[in-house]
Protein backbone atom coordinates (compact mmCIF):
# COMPACT_ATOMS: atom_id res chain seq x y z
CA MET A 1 107.99 87.20 50.39
CA LYS A 2 106.52 83.80 49.60
CA ILE A 3 105.42 83.37 53.26
CA SER A 4 103.76 86.80 53.20
CA SER A 5 101.64 86.06 50.10
CA THR A 6 100.69 82.63 51.48
CA PHE A 7 99.64 84.26 54.76
CA GLN A 8 97.57 86.86 52.86
CA ARG A 9 95.77 84.14 50.86
CA LEU A 10 95.17 82.14 54.04
CA SER A 11 93.91 85.24 55.88
CA SER A 12 91.58 86.12 53.00
CA GLY A 13 90.20 82.56 52.96
CA ILE A 14 89.61 82.57 56.72
CA LEU A 15 87.92 85.97 56.53
CA ALA A 16 85.67 84.82 53.66
CA SER A 17 84.72 81.66 55.59
CA LEU A 18 83.98 83.67 58.71
CA LEU A 19 81.79 86.12 56.80
CA MET A 20 79.88 83.27 55.13
CA SER A 21 79.34 81.60 58.50
CA LEU A 22 78.02 84.81 60.05
CA THR A 23 75.74 85.41 57.07
CA SER A 24 74.20 81.96 57.46
CA VAL A 25 73.56 82.65 61.17
CA VAL A 26 71.78 85.90 60.33
CA TRP A 27 69.68 84.26 57.62
CA ALA A 28 68.90 81.30 59.88
CA HIS A 29 66.26 83.41 61.62
CA GLY A 30 64.37 83.69 58.35
CA ASP A 31 61.71 86.34 57.89
CA VAL A 32 61.44 88.22 61.16
CA THR A 33 58.52 90.35 60.01
CA PRO A 34 55.72 89.94 62.57
CA GLN A 35 52.90 87.79 61.24
CA ALA A 36 49.28 88.86 61.68
CA VAL A 37 47.23 86.99 64.27
CA ASP A 38 43.53 86.50 63.60
CA THR A 39 41.80 86.97 66.97
CA HIS A 40 38.31 87.83 65.69
CA THR A 41 36.76 84.73 67.33
CA LEU A 42 37.97 85.75 70.81
CA PRO A 43 36.06 88.11 73.10
CA PRO A 44 37.43 91.62 72.42
CA LEU A 45 39.43 93.12 75.29
CA GLY A 46 39.31 96.80 74.39
CA SER A 47 42.15 99.28 74.28
CA THR A 48 43.12 99.19 77.96
CA TRP A 49 45.59 96.39 78.62
CA LYS A 50 44.43 93.79 81.15
CA ALA A 51 46.57 93.18 84.23
CA GLU A 52 46.11 89.41 84.07
CA ASN A 53 45.36 86.80 81.44
CA PRO A 54 41.64 86.94 80.63
CA TYR A 55 41.92 83.89 78.32
CA ARG A 56 43.52 81.50 80.81
CA GLY A 57 42.35 77.98 79.95
CA ASN A 58 40.28 79.16 76.96
CA PRO A 59 40.63 76.45 74.25
CA ALA A 60 40.03 78.89 71.37
CA ALA A 61 42.66 81.28 72.73
CA ILE A 62 45.13 78.43 73.22
CA LYS A 63 44.65 77.32 69.60
CA ILE A 64 45.19 80.88 68.33
CA GLY A 65 48.12 81.35 70.71
CA THR A 66 49.79 78.17 69.46
CA SER A 67 49.75 79.44 65.90
CA ALA A 68 50.70 82.99 66.92
CA PHE A 69 53.65 81.72 68.98
CA ASN A 70 54.91 79.50 66.16
CA GLN A 71 54.67 82.36 63.66
CA ASN A 72 56.08 85.17 65.81
CA CYS A 73 58.04 83.78 68.74
CA ALA A 74 59.40 80.31 67.92
CA ARG A 75 62.28 81.60 65.78
CA CYS A 76 63.93 82.80 69.02
CA HIS A 77 62.09 81.01 71.85
CA GLY A 78 62.00 77.63 70.06
CA LEU A 79 59.35 75.37 68.56
CA GLU A 80 56.76 74.36 71.14
CA ALA A 81 58.45 76.94 73.43
CA ILE A 82 61.51 74.72 73.88
CA SER A 83 64.35 77.21 73.63
CA GLY A 84 67.54 76.27 71.89
CA GLY A 85 69.41 78.87 73.90
CA ILE A 86 68.92 81.99 71.78
CA ALA A 87 66.21 83.40 74.06
CA PRO A 88 64.66 82.40 77.39
CA ASP A 89 62.76 79.13 77.60
CA LEU A 90 59.23 80.38 78.21
CA ARG A 91 58.08 77.05 79.63
CA ARG A 92 59.95 78.14 82.76
CA LEU A 93 58.33 81.57 82.96
CA ASP A 94 56.34 80.87 86.11
CA ASN A 95 58.18 77.89 87.59
CA GLU A 96 58.50 79.72 90.91
CA CYS A 97 54.71 80.02 91.14
CA ALA A 98 54.32 76.23 90.82
CA THR A 99 56.38 75.67 93.97
CA LEU A 100 54.26 77.91 96.20
CA LYS A 101 51.94 76.10 98.61
CA ASP A 102 49.83 79.07 99.69
CA ILE A 103 46.97 79.84 97.25
CA LYS A 104 47.14 83.62 97.83
CA LYS A 105 50.89 83.68 97.21
CA GLN A 106 50.53 81.47 94.14
CA THR A 107 47.75 83.65 92.71
CA ALA A 108 49.83 86.78 93.32
CA CYS A 109 52.83 85.12 91.67
CA VAL A 110 50.82 84.17 88.56
CA ARG A 111 49.45 87.72 88.37
CA GLU A 112 52.98 89.09 88.63
CA MET A 113 54.15 86.77 85.83
CA ASP A 114 51.23 87.92 83.66
CA ASP A 115 52.35 91.51 84.23
CA PHE A 116 55.99 90.60 83.47
CA PHE A 117 54.98 88.77 80.27
CA VAL A 118 52.74 91.51 78.91
CA GLY A 119 55.35 94.16 79.74
CA LYS A 120 58.03 92.34 77.74
CA PHE A 121 55.52 91.67 74.94
CA ARG A 122 54.52 95.34 74.73
CA ARG A 123 57.90 97.04 75.20
CA GLY A 124 60.35 94.37 74.11
CA VAL A 125 63.78 93.90 75.64
CA THR A 126 66.76 96.15 74.96
CA ARG A 127 70.12 95.97 76.75
CA ASN A 128 73.02 98.32 76.11
CA GLY A 129 71.32 99.52 72.92
CA ALA A 130 70.94 96.01 71.51
CA VAL A 131 67.41 94.76 70.82
CA TYR A 132 66.98 91.27 72.28
CA MET A 133 63.24 91.19 71.66
CA PRO A 134 61.27 93.65 69.56
CA PRO A 135 58.28 95.43 71.08
CA PHE A 136 54.98 94.05 69.77
CA GLU A 137 52.65 96.79 71.06
CA GLY A 138 51.02 98.43 68.06
CA ILE A 139 51.91 95.42 65.91
CA LEU A 140 49.91 92.66 67.62
CA ASN A 141 46.86 93.38 69.78
CA GLN A 142 46.39 92.33 73.39
CA GLU A 143 44.09 89.51 72.31
CA ALA A 144 47.11 88.04 70.47
CA ALA A 145 49.38 88.64 73.48
CA TRP A 146 47.05 86.91 75.93
CA SER A 147 46.37 84.04 73.54
CA ILE A 148 50.14 83.46 73.30
CA LYS A 149 50.37 83.54 77.11
CA SER A 150 47.46 81.05 77.29
CA TYR A 151 49.36 78.73 74.96
CA LEU A 152 52.54 79.09 77.03
CA GLU A 153 50.60 78.09 80.14
CA THR A 154 49.91 74.73 78.47
CA ARG A 155 53.65 74.29 77.91
CA ARG A 156 54.74 74.89 81.52
CA GLU A 157 57.78 72.92 82.60
CA LYS A 158 56.28 72.60 86.10
CA PRO A 159 52.49 72.29 85.94
CA LEU A 160 50.71 74.80 88.12
CA ALA A 161 48.71 72.71 90.59
CA LEU A 162 46.26 74.71 92.64
CA ALA A 163 47.83 75.51 95.96
CA LYS A 164 45.83 74.75 99.08
């Protein structure tokens, strides 16, 4: 009987430690409420979503996108877009495009990556019923989405040199 009660105490202690560890992981994400993004200084884009980034290279959009990313995306995708493994490293989003030598193919690739990005931004990512990324459509406007994409383009792992 003494072994049984010792085992129960040990099991209870392990269970309590495990629960405390899991609780700290959940709280490590902090407040996951989307933060508002002030885009009033950017040219308005209207209600129809653009197929490609209209703010590419726009310094004001990049500045807004930096703040928007840090407030809404960094908790999963990492500070300065350097992922710690929880979510994809967005610096690598269009690495394939950087390797293309043909300008038409590279342009098409970048356009495709814009479409991929905005689709994930708008609809989020769900697999087997689990939400991996919440949808931001209706929460953040497309000006915020494209400013975040503009910021991410400055963080590319492989700079996008213009193909010839």
